[in-house]
Amino acid sequence: MISTIVKSVEISSGTDTIDKFVLAAIGFFKELDYPVFLSYLKSSLVLISMIFGVILIIIIIKIRILMKGQIPSIKDEISPPKEAVDAYDNRWTEIKSHVMSFNEAEWKMAVIEADKFVDDALKTGNYPGESMGERLMMIQPGQLLSFAKSVGRA
């Protein structure tokens, strides 16, 4: 078929050559056996798809092999650091457990412990005074943004 196109196209100048080429192309497509052509095209595309599928699987396997060594270090970088547990955390947890109790005596204990907690926080903050009341009286307006922020727990 291709040989008939080549034979039918004569080398000449101008639009005559283009017209002959177009006519030869139209003749080629009229003579084409479409079921056979589509069968070859389908087989070729299936083969190409299979090749690309195998290449994709190989790439995925290689990426997994490369990432195995890096995943633990990436997890360490991504995960947030754990909060430091200090004496304040333990005391605050204890106060909250007293508050959540159904026993009235526990509530009273929570108030007493919270009082001591705030007094210790003020002492740690180097606020002057002999007692908690004096320390609170000596605090100037604007010295503490808020009570919760000064204690560090809310």
N, C-alpha and C. Protein backbone atom coordinates (compact mmCIF):
# COMPACT_ATOMS: atom_id res chain seq x y z
N MET A 1 0.82 -1.20 0.00
CA MET A 1 0.00 0.00 0.00
C MET A 1 0.86 1.26 0.00
N ILE A 2 1.88 1.26 0.84
CA ILE A 2 2.74 2.44 0.92
C ILE A 2 3.48 2.62 -0.39
N SER A 3 3.83 1.52 -1.02
CA SER A 3 4.54 1.62 -2.29
C SER A 3 3.66 2.26 -3.36
N THR A 4 2.33 2.02 -3.31
CA THR A 4 1.44 2.66 -4.28
C THR A 4 1.36 4.16 -4.06
N ILE A 5 1.46 4.59 -2.80
CA ILE A 5 1.46 6.02 -2.51
C ILE A 5 2.72 6.65 -3.06
N VAL A 6 3.84 5.99 -2.83
CA VAL A 6 5.11 6.55 -3.28
C VAL A 6 5.15 6.61 -4.79
N LYS A 7 4.65 5.56 -5.47
CA LYS A 7 4.64 5.56 -6.94
C LYS A 7 3.69 6.59 -7.51
N SER A 8 2.58 6.81 -6.81
CA SER A 8 1.57 7.72 -7.33
C SER A 8 1.95 9.17 -7.16
N VAL A 9 2.83 9.47 -6.22
CA VAL A 9 3.24 10.84 -5.98
C VAL A 9 4.45 11.13 -6.85
N GLU A 10 4.28 11.95 -7.83
CA GLU A 10 5.39 12.32 -8.71
C GLU A 10 5.99 13.60 -8.19
N ILE A 11 7.26 13.73 -8.39
CA ILE A 11 7.93 14.94 -7.94
C ILE A 11 7.66 16.02 -8.96
N SER A 12 6.94 17.00 -8.53
CA SER A 12 6.67 18.15 -9.38
C SER A 12 6.59 19.37 -8.48
N SER A 13 6.35 20.50 -9.05
CA SER A 13 6.37 21.72 -8.27
C SER A 13 4.97 22.22 -7.99
N GLY A 14 4.88 23.09 -6.92
CA GLY A 14 3.65 23.80 -6.63
C GLY A 14 2.59 22.96 -5.99
N THR A 15 1.32 23.35 -6.26
CA THR A 15 0.17 22.71 -5.64
C THR A 15 -0.13 21.37 -6.27
N ASP A 16 0.39 21.09 -7.42
CA ASP A 16 0.14 19.81 -8.09
C ASP A 16 0.67 18.66 -7.23
N THR A 17 1.83 18.84 -6.61
CA THR A 17 2.41 17.81 -5.76
C THR A 17 1.55 17.59 -4.53
N ILE A 18 1.09 18.67 -3.92
CA ILE A 18 0.25 18.56 -2.72
C ILE A 18 -1.07 17.88 -3.06
N ASP A 19 -1.66 18.24 -4.20
CA ASP A 19 -2.93 17.62 -4.60
C ASP A 19 -2.76 16.12 -4.82
N LYS A 20 -1.66 15.75 -5.46
CA LYS A 20 -1.43 14.33 -5.71
C LYS A 20 -1.19 13.58 -4.39
N PHE A 21 -0.47 14.22 -3.46
CA PHE A 21 -0.21 13.58 -2.18
C PHE A 21 -1.51 13.38 -1.40
N VAL A 22 -2.36 14.38 -1.40
CA VAL A 22 -3.64 14.29 -0.70
C VAL A 22 -4.50 13.21 -1.33
N LEU A 23 -4.55 13.15 -2.63
CA LEU A 23 -5.33 12.11 -3.30
C LEU A 23 -4.78 10.72 -2.98
N ALA A 24 -3.44 10.61 -2.93
CA ALA A 24 -2.83 9.32 -2.61
C ALA A 24 -3.16 8.92 -1.16
N ALA A 25 -3.15 9.90 -0.24
CA ALA A 25 -3.47 9.62 1.16
C ALA A 25 -4.92 9.18 1.28
N ILE A 26 -5.80 9.84 0.59
CA ILE A 26 -7.22 9.47 0.61
C ILE A 26 -7.40 8.07 0.07
N GLY A 27 -6.69 7.74 -1.00
CA GLY A 27 -6.75 6.39 -1.57
C GLY A 27 -6.23 5.35 -0.57
N PHE A 28 -5.15 5.69 0.13
CA PHE A 28 -4.59 4.77 1.12
C PHE A 28 -5.60 4.46 2.22
N PHE A 29 -6.26 5.50 2.73
CA PHE A 29 -7.22 5.28 3.81
C PHE A 29 -8.49 4.58 3.33
N LYS A 30 -8.82 4.72 2.04
CA LYS A 30 -9.98 4.00 1.51
C LYS A 30 -9.69 2.51 1.38
N GLU A 31 -8.44 2.19 1.04
CA GLU A 31 -8.05 0.79 0.86
C GLU A 31 -7.68 0.10 2.17
N LEU A 32 -7.54 0.86 3.24
CA LEU A 32 -7.08 0.32 4.52
C LEU A 32 -8.11 -0.66 5.08
N ASP A 33 -7.62 -1.79 5.55
CA ASP A 33 -8.47 -2.80 6.17
C ASP A 33 -8.57 -2.45 7.66
N TYR A 34 -9.60 -1.71 8.03
CA TYR A 34 -9.73 -1.16 9.38
C TYR A 34 -9.79 -2.21 10.48
N PRO A 35 -10.53 -3.30 10.34
CA PRO A 35 -10.53 -4.30 11.42
C PRO A 35 -9.13 -4.85 11.72
N VAL A 36 -8.34 -5.10 10.69
CA VAL A 36 -6.98 -5.61 10.90
C VAL A 36 -6.12 -4.51 11.52
N PHE A 37 -6.26 -3.29 10.99
CA PHE A 37 -5.48 -2.15 11.51
C PHE A 37 -5.79 -1.91 12.99
N LEU A 38 -7.08 -1.91 13.34
CA LEU A 38 -7.48 -1.70 14.73
C LEU A 38 -7.01 -2.85 15.63
N SER A 39 -6.99 -4.05 15.10
CA SER A 39 -6.49 -5.19 15.86
C SER A 39 -5.00 -5.01 16.18
N TYR A 40 -4.20 -4.60 15.17
CA TYR A 40 -2.77 -4.35 15.41
C TYR A 40 -2.57 -3.19 16.37
N LEU A 41 -3.37 -2.14 16.19
CA LEU A 41 -3.25 -0.98 17.06
C LEU A 41 -3.59 -1.35 18.51
N LYS A 42 -4.65 -2.11 18.67
CA LYS A 42 -5.06 -2.54 20.01
C LYS A 42 -3.98 -3.40 20.66
N SER A 43 -3.43 -4.35 19.93
CA SER A 43 -2.37 -5.21 20.46
C SER A 43 -1.14 -4.39 20.84
N SER A 44 -0.79 -3.44 19.99
CA SER A 44 0.37 -2.59 20.26
C SER A 44 0.16 -1.75 21.52
N LEU A 45 -1.02 -1.17 21.65
CA LEU A 45 -1.30 -0.34 22.82
C LEU A 45 -1.36 -1.17 24.11
N VAL A 46 -1.87 -2.38 24.04
CA VAL A 46 -1.89 -3.26 25.21
C VAL A 46 -0.45 -3.58 25.62
N LEU A 47 0.40 -3.88 24.64
CA LEU A 47 1.80 -4.18 24.92
C LEU A 47 2.51 -2.97 25.54
N ILE A 48 2.28 -1.79 24.99
CA ILE A 48 2.89 -0.56 25.53
C ILE A 48 2.39 -0.31 26.96
N SER A 49 1.10 -0.52 27.20
CA SER A 49 0.55 -0.34 28.55
C SER A 49 1.18 -1.31 29.54
N MET A 50 1.38 -2.54 29.11
CA MET A 50 2.01 -3.53 29.99
C MET A 50 3.46 -3.12 30.30
N ILE A 51 4.16 -2.63 29.33
CA ILE A 51 5.55 -2.20 29.55
C ILE A 51 5.58 -1.05 30.55
N PHE A 52 4.70 -0.06 30.37
CA PHE A 52 4.65 1.07 31.31
C PHE A 52 4.22 0.61 32.71
N GLY A 53 3.33 -0.36 32.79
CA GLY A 53 2.92 -0.90 34.09
C GLY A 53 4.08 -1.55 34.81
N VAL A 54 4.88 -2.33 34.08
CA VAL A 54 6.05 -2.98 34.68
C VAL A 54 7.05 -1.91 35.14
N ILE A 55 7.27 -0.90 34.32
CA ILE A 55 8.18 0.19 34.69
C ILE A 55 7.68 0.90 35.95
N LEU A 56 6.38 1.14 36.03
CA LEU A 56 5.81 1.79 37.21
C LEU A 56 6.00 0.94 38.46
N ILE A 57 5.79 -0.36 38.35
CA ILE A 57 5.98 -1.25 39.51
C ILE A 57 7.45 -1.25 39.94
N ILE A 58 8.37 -1.26 39.00
CA ILE A 58 9.79 -1.22 39.33
C ILE A 58 10.14 0.08 40.04
N ILE A 59 9.60 1.19 39.56
CA ILE A 59 9.87 2.49 40.19
C ILE A 59 9.33 2.51 41.62
N ILE A 60 8.13 2.01 41.83
CA ILE A 60 7.53 1.99 43.17
C ILE A 60 8.38 1.13 44.11
N ILE A 61 8.83 -0.02 43.64
CA ILE A 61 9.66 -0.89 44.48
C ILE A 61 10.97 -0.19 44.84
N LYS A 62 11.60 0.46 43.88
CA LYS A 62 12.86 1.16 44.15
C LYS A 62 12.66 2.32 45.12
N ILE A 63 11.57 3.04 45.00
CA ILE A 63 11.30 4.15 45.91
C ILE A 63 11.09 3.61 47.33
N ARG A 64 10.37 2.51 47.45
CA ARG A 64 10.16 1.92 48.79
C ARG A 64 11.47 1.48 49.41
N ILE A 65 12.35 0.89 48.60
CA ILE A 65 13.65 0.46 49.11
C ILE A 65 14.45 1.67 49.59
N LEU A 66 14.43 2.75 48.80
CA LEU A 66 15.17 3.96 49.18
C LEU A 66 14.58 4.61 50.43
N MET A 67 13.27 4.57 50.57
CA MET A 67 12.61 5.24 51.68
C MET A 67 12.67 4.45 52.99
N LYS A 68 12.93 3.15 52.93
CA LYS A 68 12.96 2.35 54.16
C LYS A 68 13.95 2.90 55.16
N GLY A 69 15.11 3.29 54.71
CA GLY A 69 16.12 3.81 55.62
C GLY A 69 15.81 5.22 56.10
N GLN A 70 15.03 5.96 55.33
CA GLN A 70 14.76 7.35 55.68
C GLN A 70 13.51 7.54 56.51
N ILE A 71 12.61 6.59 56.51
CA ILE A 71 11.34 6.75 57.22
C ILE A 71 11.53 7.00 58.71
N PRO A 72 12.38 6.25 59.43
CA PRO A 72 12.53 6.55 60.86
C PRO A 72 13.02 7.97 61.12
N SER A 73 13.95 8.45 60.31
CA SER A 73 14.44 9.82 60.52
C SER A 73 13.37 10.84 60.17
N ILE A 74 12.56 10.56 59.17
CA ILE A 74 11.48 11.48 58.80
C ILE A 74 10.43 11.51 59.90
N LYS A 75 10.12 10.35 60.48
CA LYS A 75 9.14 10.31 61.57
C LYS A 75 9.61 11.15 62.76
N ASP A 76 10.91 11.10 63.05
CA ASP A 76 11.43 11.90 64.15
C ASP A 76 11.31 13.39 63.87
N GLU A 77 11.51 13.77 62.62
CA GLU A 77 11.42 15.18 62.26
C GLU A 77 9.98 15.68 62.26
N ILE A 78 9.05 14.82 61.84
CA ILE A 78 7.66 15.25 61.71
C ILE A 78 6.93 15.25 63.05
N SER A 79 7.17 14.25 63.88
CA SER A 79 6.42 14.16 65.13
C SER A 79 6.81 15.29 66.08
N PRO A 80 5.82 15.90 66.71
CA PRO A 80 6.12 17.01 67.61
C PRO A 80 6.82 16.49 68.87
N PRO A 81 7.62 17.34 69.48
CA PRO A 81 8.30 16.90 70.69
C PRO A 81 7.30 16.71 71.82
N LYS A 82 7.63 15.80 72.71
CA LYS A 82 6.76 15.54 73.86
C LYS A 82 6.92 16.68 74.86
N GLU A 83 5.80 17.00 75.51
CA GLU A 83 5.86 18.06 76.51
C GLU A 83 6.69 17.61 77.70
N ALA A 84 7.46 18.54 78.22
CA ALA A 84 8.27 18.22 79.39
C ALA A 84 7.35 18.11 80.61
N VAL A 85 7.55 17.10 81.38
CA VAL A 85 6.77 16.91 82.59
C VAL A 85 7.62 17.42 83.75
N ASP A 86 7.08 18.39 84.45
CA ASP A 86 7.82 18.93 85.60
C ASP A 86 6.92 18.87 86.83
N ALA A 87 7.41 19.44 87.90
CA ALA A 87 6.67 19.42 89.16
C ALA A 87 5.33 20.12 89.01
N TYR A 88 5.28 21.20 88.24
CA TYR A 88 4.02 21.92 88.05
C TYR A 88 2.98 21.05 87.36
N ASP A 89 3.40 20.27 86.36
CA ASP A 89 2.45 19.40 85.67
C ASP A 89 1.84 18.38 86.62
N ASN A 90 2.69 17.77 87.42
CA ASN A 90 2.18 16.76 88.36
C ASN A 90 1.23 17.37 89.38
N ARG A 91 1.59 18.54 89.90
CA ARG A 91 0.72 19.19 90.90
C ARG A 91 -0.59 19.63 90.27
N TRP A 92 -0.53 20.16 89.05
CA TRP A 92 -1.76 20.62 88.38
C TRP A 92 -2.68 19.44 88.08
N THR A 93 -2.12 18.32 87.68
CA THR A 93 -2.91 17.11 87.44
C THR A 93 -3.59 16.65 88.73
N GLU A 94 -2.86 16.74 89.83
CA GLU A 94 -3.43 16.35 91.12
C GLU A 94 -4.58 17.28 91.52
N ILE A 95 -4.41 18.58 91.29
CA ILE A 95 -5.47 19.54 91.61
C ILE A 95 -6.70 19.26 90.76
N LYS A 96 -6.51 19.00 89.48
CA LYS A 96 -7.65 18.70 88.60
C LYS A 96 -8.37 17.43 89.03
N SER A 97 -7.62 16.44 89.50
CA SER A 97 -8.28 15.21 89.95
C SER A 97 -9.11 15.45 91.20
N HIS A 98 -8.62 16.34 92.08
CA HIS A 98 -9.42 16.70 93.26
C HIS A 98 -10.71 17.41 92.84
N VAL A 99 -10.63 18.29 91.87
CA VAL A 99 -11.81 19.04 91.42
C VAL A 99 -12.83 18.11 90.78
N MET A 100 -12.38 17.10 90.05
CA MET A 100 -13.28 16.19 89.35
C MET A 100 -13.94 15.18 90.28
N SER A 101 -13.52 15.11 91.50
CA SER A 101 -14.05 14.15 92.45
C SER A 101 -15.49 14.51 92.83
N PHE A 102 -16.23 13.51 93.30
CA PHE A 102 -17.60 13.74 93.77
C PHE A 102 -17.64 14.00 95.27
N ASN A 103 -16.49 13.93 95.89
CA ASN A 103 -16.39 14.10 97.33
C ASN A 103 -16.11 15.57 97.65
N GLU A 104 -16.90 16.14 98.55
CA GLU A 104 -16.75 17.55 98.93
C GLU A 104 -15.40 17.83 99.58
N ALA A 105 -14.89 16.89 100.33
CA ALA A 105 -13.59 17.07 100.98
C ALA A 105 -12.48 17.21 99.94
N GLU A 106 -12.64 16.51 98.82
CA GLU A 106 -11.65 16.62 97.74
C GLU A 106 -11.67 18.02 97.13
N TRP A 107 -12.84 18.63 97.03
CA TRP A 107 -12.92 19.99 96.49
C TRP A 107 -12.16 20.97 97.39
N LYS A 108 -12.35 20.80 98.70
CA LYS A 108 -11.64 21.66 99.65
C LYS A 108 -10.14 21.46 99.51
N MET A 109 -9.74 20.20 99.33
CA MET A 109 -8.32 19.89 99.14
C MET A 109 -7.81 20.54 97.85
N ALA A 110 -8.65 20.56 96.81
CA ALA A 110 -8.25 21.18 95.55
C ALA A 110 -8.00 22.67 95.74
N VAL A 111 -8.85 23.35 96.52
CA VAL A 111 -8.67 24.79 96.77
C VAL A 111 -7.37 25.03 97.53
N ILE A 112 -7.11 24.23 98.54
CA ILE A 112 -5.88 24.38 99.34
C ILE A 112 -4.65 24.13 98.47
N GLU A 113 -4.70 23.07 97.67
CA GLU A 113 -3.57 22.75 96.80
C GLU A 113 -3.37 23.82 95.73
N ALA A 114 -4.46 24.35 95.19
CA ALA A 114 -4.35 25.41 94.19
C ALA A 114 -3.75 26.66 94.80
N ASP A 115 -4.10 26.96 96.05
CA ASP A 115 -3.54 28.10 96.76
C ASP A 115 -2.02 27.94 96.90
N LYS A 116 -1.60 26.76 97.33
CA LYS A 116 -0.17 26.48 97.46
C LYS A 116 0.52 26.55 96.09
N PHE A 117 -0.16 26.04 95.07
CA PHE A 117 0.38 26.02 93.72
C PHE A 117 0.67 27.44 93.22
N VAL A 118 -0.31 28.33 93.39
CA VAL A 118 -0.14 29.73 92.96
C VAL A 118 0.95 30.41 93.79
N ASP A 119 0.98 30.14 95.08
CA ASP A 119 2.02 30.73 95.94
C ASP A 119 3.41 30.28 95.48
N ASP A 120 3.56 29.00 95.19
CA ASP A 120 4.86 28.51 94.70
C ASP A 120 5.22 29.12 93.35
N ALA A 121 4.22 29.31 92.49
CA ALA A 121 4.49 29.92 91.19
C ALA A 121 4.95 31.36 91.36
N LEU A 122 4.34 32.09 92.28
CA LEU A 122 4.75 33.47 92.55
C LEU A 122 6.15 33.51 93.14
N LYS A 123 6.46 32.58 94.04
CA LYS A 123 7.81 32.52 94.61
C LYS A 123 8.84 32.23 93.52
N THR A 124 8.50 31.28 92.64
CA THR A 124 9.40 30.93 91.54
C THR A 124 9.61 32.12 90.61
N GLY A 125 8.58 32.93 90.46
CA GLY A 125 8.67 34.13 89.63
C GLY A 125 9.37 35.28 90.32
N ASN A 126 9.87 35.06 91.53
CA ASN A 126 10.61 36.07 92.31
C ASN A 126 9.78 37.32 92.61
N TYR A 127 8.50 37.13 92.93
CA TYR A 127 7.68 38.26 93.37
C TYR A 127 7.95 38.48 94.85
N PRO A 128 8.16 39.73 95.26
CA PRO A 128 8.52 40.01 96.66
C PRO A 128 7.31 39.89 97.60
N GLY A 129 7.61 39.56 98.84
CA GLY A 129 6.57 39.49 99.87
C GLY A 129 6.78 38.29 100.76
N GLU A 130 6.25 38.40 102.00
CA GLU A 130 6.39 37.33 102.98
C GLU A 130 5.32 36.25 102.79
N SER A 131 4.12 36.65 102.41
CA SER A 131 3.03 35.70 102.24
C SER A 131 2.46 35.87 100.83
N MET A 132 1.56 34.97 100.49
CA MET A 132 0.94 35.04 99.16
C MET A 132 0.15 36.34 99.01
N GLY A 133 -0.53 36.75 100.06
CA GLY A 133 -1.30 38.00 100.02
C GLY A 133 -0.40 39.19 99.74
N GLU A 134 0.77 39.26 100.41
CA GLU A 134 1.71 40.35 100.17
C GLU A 134 2.24 40.30 98.75
N ARG A 135 2.55 39.10 98.27
CA ARG A 135 3.07 38.97 96.90
C ARG A 135 2.03 39.45 95.89
N LEU A 136 0.76 39.10 96.11
CA LEU A 136 -0.30 39.54 95.20
C LEU A 136 -0.50 41.06 95.26
N MET A 137 -0.38 41.64 96.45
CA MET A 137 -0.54 43.08 96.61
C MET A 137 0.61 43.86 95.95
N MET A 138 1.80 43.25 95.90
CA MET A 138 2.98 43.92 95.36
C MET A 138 3.01 43.88 93.83
N ILE A 139 2.17 43.06 93.22
CA ILE A 139 2.16 42.96 91.75
C ILE A 139 1.53 44.23 91.19
N GLN A 140 2.24 44.86 90.26
CA GLN A 140 1.76 46.09 89.63
C GLN A 140 0.85 45.73 88.44
N PRO A 141 -0.12 46.63 88.14
CA PRO A 141 -0.97 46.38 86.96
C PRO A 141 -0.09 46.30 85.71
N GLY A 142 -0.36 45.33 84.86
CA GLY A 142 0.41 45.13 83.65
C GLY A 142 1.61 44.23 83.85
N GLN A 143 1.94 43.91 85.12
CA GLN A 143 3.08 43.04 85.38
C GLN A 143 2.74 41.59 84.98
N LEU A 144 1.51 41.21 85.16
CA LEU A 144 1.03 39.91 84.73
C LEU A 144 0.01 40.13 83.62
N LEU A 145 0.19 39.44 82.51
CA LEU A 145 -0.79 39.58 81.44
C LEU A 145 -2.13 39.00 81.85
N SER A 146 -2.08 37.86 82.47
CA SER A 146 -3.29 37.27 83.03
C SER A 146 -2.86 36.25 84.07
N PHE A 147 -3.77 35.91 84.93
CA PHE A 147 -3.45 34.96 85.98
C PHE A 147 -3.07 33.61 85.38
N ALA A 148 -3.81 33.16 84.37
CA ALA A 148 -3.55 31.85 83.77
C ALA A 148 -2.18 31.82 83.13
N LYS A 149 -1.77 32.91 82.47
CA LYS A 149 -0.47 32.92 81.83
C LYS A 149 0.64 32.97 82.86
N SER A 150 0.42 33.66 83.99
CA SER A 150 1.47 33.75 85.00
C SER A 150 1.72 32.40 85.64
N VAL A 151 0.67 31.61 85.81
CA VAL A 151 0.81 30.29 86.41
C VAL A 151 1.29 29.31 85.35
N GLY A 152 0.97 29.60 84.11
CA GLY A 152 1.41 28.71 83.03
C GLY A 152 0.45 27.59 82.75
N ARG A 153 -0.69 27.57 83.35
CA ARG A 153 -1.70 26.53 83.14
C ARG A 153 -3.06 27.21 83.05
N ALA A 154 -3.90 26.67 82.21
CA ALA A 154 -5.26 27.19 82.11
C ALA A 154 -6.23 26.05 81.91
